Amino acid sequence: MADTLNTMKGKVTYLLENYPILRDNDNLLIGMVYKEYYGITYADSFLDIMKHHDERHLPNFETIRRVRQKVQEERIDLCSSKAKQREKQISFTNYYDFAKGN
């Protein structure tokens, strides 16, 4: 598991598996990645974080968002509740159309 957590994909997957609330909010996910893996605390100001972003080797916000999107494409069980609801609606609509013979 340690090798998996060395990659951003492993880190994001672990957090999405263990903290379902992060599946719906990229800002919370980014904050948790920074907190859990890079030692950033809620006491750190956003300005300080941004000022020392490169020194701390922090991943870009967009990198984390893209990795989350890729993980959720591969693992439907880790999708946001909104995405799951949309998928259920699409499945129901497709089944309903099929059953009606359309």
C-alpha atoms as a PDB file:
ATOM      1  CA  MET A   1       0.000   0.000   0.000  1.00  0.00           C
ATOM      2  CA  ALA A   2       2.917   2.356   0.657  1.00  0.00           C
ATOM      3  CA  ASP A   3       3.930   2.248  -3.025  1.00  0.00           C
ATOM      4  CA  THR A   4       0.386   3.086  -4.075  1.00  0.00           C
ATOM      5  CA  LEU A   5       0.294   6.097  -1.764  1.00  0.00           C
ATOM      6  CA  ASN A   6       3.458   7.481  -3.352  1.00  0.00           C
ATOM      7  CA  THR A   7       1.528   8.372  -6.498  1.00  0.00           C
ATOM      8  CA  MET A   8      -1.070  11.106  -6.703  1.00  0.00           C
ATOM      9  CA  LYS A   9      -3.552   8.588  -8.060  1.00  0.00           C
ATOM     10  CA  GLY A  10      -2.976   6.363  -5.038  1.00  0.00           C
ATOM     11  CA  LYS A  11      -3.359   9.258  -2.636  1.00  0.00           C
ATOM     12  CA  VAL A  12      -6.568  10.509  -4.220  1.00  0.00           C
ATOM     13  CA  THR A  13      -8.011   6.985  -4.458  1.00  0.00           C
ATOM     14  CA  TYR A  14      -7.281   6.360  -0.778  1.00  0.00           C
ATOM     15  CA  LEU A  15      -8.945   9.622   0.265  1.00  0.00           C
ATOM     16  CA  LEU A  16     -12.012   9.045  -1.916  1.00  0.00           C
ATOM     17  CA  GLU A  17     -12.392   5.531  -0.495  1.00  0.00           C
ATOM     18  CA  ASN A  18     -12.124   6.651   3.118  1.00  0.00           C
ATOM     19  CA  TYR A  19     -13.783  10.075   3.048  1.00  0.00           C
ATOM     20  CA  PRO A  20     -16.914   9.952   0.846  1.00  0.00           C
ATOM     21  CA  ILE A  21     -17.613  13.655   1.393  1.00  0.00           C
ATOM     22  CA  LEU A  22     -14.517  14.425  -0.706  1.00  0.00           C
ATOM     23  CA  ARG A  23     -16.145  12.851  -3.768  1.00  0.00           C
ATOM     24  CA  ASP A  24     -18.464  15.856  -4.149  1.00  0.00           C
ATOM     25  CA  ASN A  25     -16.075  18.732  -3.464  1.00  0.00           C
ATOM     26  CA  ASP A  26     -12.708  19.318  -5.160  1.00  0.00           C
ATOM     27  CA  ASN A  27     -11.798  22.081  -2.715  1.00  0.00           C
ATOM     28  CA  LEU A  28     -12.180  19.736   0.251  1.00  0.00           C
ATOM     29  CA  LEU A  29     -10.231  17.055  -1.612  1.00  0.00           C
ATOM     30  CA  ILE A  30      -7.368  19.450  -2.378  1.00  0.00           C
ATOM     31  CA  GLY A  31      -7.295  20.590   1.243  1.00  0.00           C
ATOM     32  CA  MET A  32      -7.208  16.995   2.480  1.00  0.00           C
ATOM     33  CA  VAL A  33      -4.412  16.036   0.060  1.00  0.00           C
ATOM     34  CA  TYR A  34      -2.368  18.987   1.288  1.00  0.00           C
ATOM     35  CA  LYS A  35      -3.127  18.213   4.939  1.00  0.00           C
ATOM     36  CA  GLU A  36      -2.581  14.447   4.875  1.00  0.00           C
ATOM     37  CA  TYR A  37       0.416  14.206   2.578  1.00  0.00           C
ATOM     38  CA  TYR A  38       2.172  17.586   2.649  1.00  0.00           C
ATOM     39  CA  GLY A  39       1.757  18.733   6.252  1.00  0.00           C
ATOM     40  CA  ILE A  40      -0.398  21.756   5.486  1.00  0.00           C
ATOM     41  CA  THR A  41      -2.680  22.635   8.364  1.00  0.00           C
ATOM     42  CA  TYR A  42      -5.812  24.712   8.514  1.00  0.00           C
ATOM     43  CA  ALA A  43      -3.795  27.271  10.464  1.00  0.00           C
ATOM     44  CA  ASP A  44      -1.628  27.937   7.378  1.00  0.00           C
ATOM     45  CA  SER A  45      -2.908  30.926   5.467  1.00  0.00           C
ATOM     46  CA  PHE A  46      -3.769  30.528   1.807  1.00  0.00           C
ATOM     47  CA  LEU A  47      -1.265  33.272   0.991  1.00  0.00           C
ATOM     48  CA  ASP A  48       1.549  31.409   2.762  1.00  0.00           C
ATOM     49  CA  ILE A  49       0.626  28.189   1.011  1.00  0.00           C
ATOM     50  CA  MET A  50       0.718  29.865  -2.390  1.00  0.00           C
ATOM     51  CA  LYS A  51       3.885  31.809  -1.609  1.00  0.00           C
ATOM     52  CA  HIS A  52       5.757  28.617  -0.698  1.00  0.00           C
ATOM     53  CA  HIS A  53       3.961  26.300  -3.136  1.00  0.00           C
ATOM     54  CA  ASP A  54       7.092  25.380  -5.105  1.00  0.00           C
ATOM     55  CA  GLU A  55       9.337  25.068  -2.039  1.00  0.00           C
ATOM     56  CA  ARG A  56       6.975  22.537  -0.474  1.00  0.00           C
ATOM     57  CA  HIS A  57       6.596  20.643  -3.780  1.00  0.00           C
ATOM     58  CA  LEU A  58       2.825  20.874  -3.546  1.00  0.00           C
ATOM     59  CA  PRO A  59       0.793  19.439  -6.409  1.00  0.00           C
ATOM     60  CA  ASN A  60      -1.181  21.835  -8.544  1.00  0.00           C
ATOM     61  CA  PHE A  61      -4.908  22.139  -7.780  1.00  0.00           C
ATOM     62  CA  GLU A  62      -5.716  21.141 -11.352  1.00  0.00           C
ATOM     63  CA  THR A  63      -3.549  18.017 -11.082  1.00  0.00           C
ATOM     64  CA  ILE A  64      -5.546  16.820  -8.087  1.00  0.00           C
ATOM     65  CA  ARG A  65      -8.836  17.604  -9.841  1.00  0.00           C
ATOM     66  CA  ARG A  66      -7.803  15.723 -12.983  1.00  0.00           C
ATOM     67  CA  VAL A  67      -6.621  12.728 -10.998  1.00  0.00           C
ATOM     68  CA  ARG A  68      -9.939  12.677  -9.110  1.00  0.00           C
ATOM     69  CA  GLN A  69     -11.823  12.783 -12.395  1.00  0.00           C
ATOM     70  CA  LYS A  70      -9.745   9.903 -13.806  1.00  0.00           C
ATOM     71  CA  VAL A  71     -10.155   7.803 -10.656  1.00  0.00           C
ATOM     72  CA  GLN A  72     -13.921   8.336 -10.707  1.00  0.00           C
ATOM     73  CA  GLU A  73     -14.062   7.329 -14.386  1.00  0.00           C
ATOM     74  CA  GLU A  74     -12.294   4.071 -13.530  1.00  0.00           C
ATOM     75  CA  ARG A  75     -14.073   3.446 -10.221  1.00  0.00           C
ATOM     76  CA  ILE A  76     -17.804   4.123 -10.402  1.00  0.00           C
ATOM     77  CA  ASP A  77     -18.097   3.318  -6.683  1.00  0.00           C
ATOM     78  CA  LEU A  78     -16.025   6.441  -5.953  1.00  0.00           C
ATOM     79  CA  CYS A  79     -18.179   8.818  -8.003  1.00  0.00           C
ATOM     80  CA  SER A  80     -19.905  11.737  -6.379  1.00  0.00           C
ATOM     81  CA  SER A  81     -23.469  11.255  -5.194  1.00  0.00           C
ATOM     82  CA  LYS A  82     -24.605  13.663  -7.929  1.00  0.00           C
ATOM     83  CA  ALA A  83     -22.933  11.592 -10.642  1.00  0.00           C
ATOM     84  CA  LYS A  84     -24.419   8.391  -9.246  1.00  0.00           C
ATOM     85  CA  GLN A  85     -27.871   9.985  -9.247  1.00  0.00           C
ATOM     86  CA  ARG A  86     -27.434  11.070 -12.888  1.00  0.00           C
ATOM     87  CA  GLU A  87     -26.297   7.558 -13.832  1.00  0.00           C
ATOM     88  CA  LYS A  88     -29.352   6.039 -12.144  1.00  0.00           C
ATOM     89  CA  GLN A  89     -31.623   8.464 -13.994  1.00  0.00           C
ATOM     90  CA  ILE A  90     -29.995   7.664 -17.345  1.00  0.00           C
ATOM     91  CA  SER A  91     -30.256   3.923 -16.670  1.00  0.00           C
ATOM     92  CA  PHE A  92     -33.914   4.251 -15.679  1.00  0.00           C
ATOM     93  CA  THR A  93     -34.708   6.367 -18.749  1.00  0.00           C
ATOM     94  CA  ASN A  94     -32.930   3.907 -21.053  1.00  0.00           C
ATOM     95  CA  TYR A  95     -34.762   0.965 -19.501  1.00  0.00           C
ATOM     96  CA  TYR A  96     -38.095   2.806 -19.663  1.00  0.00           C
ATOM     97  CA  ASP A  97     -37.574   3.640 -23.348  1.00  0.00           C
ATOM     98  CA  PHE A  98     -36.571   0.042 -24.062  1.00  0.00           C
ATOM     99  CA  ALA A  99     -39.613  -1.321 -22.200  1.00  0.00           C
ATOM    100  CA  LYS A 100     -41.944   0.996 -24.126  1.00  0.00           C
ATOM    101  CA  GLY A 101     -40.400  -0.187 -27.385  1.00  0.00           C
ATOM    102  CA  ASN A 102     -38.895   3.178 -28.411  1.00  0.00           C
END
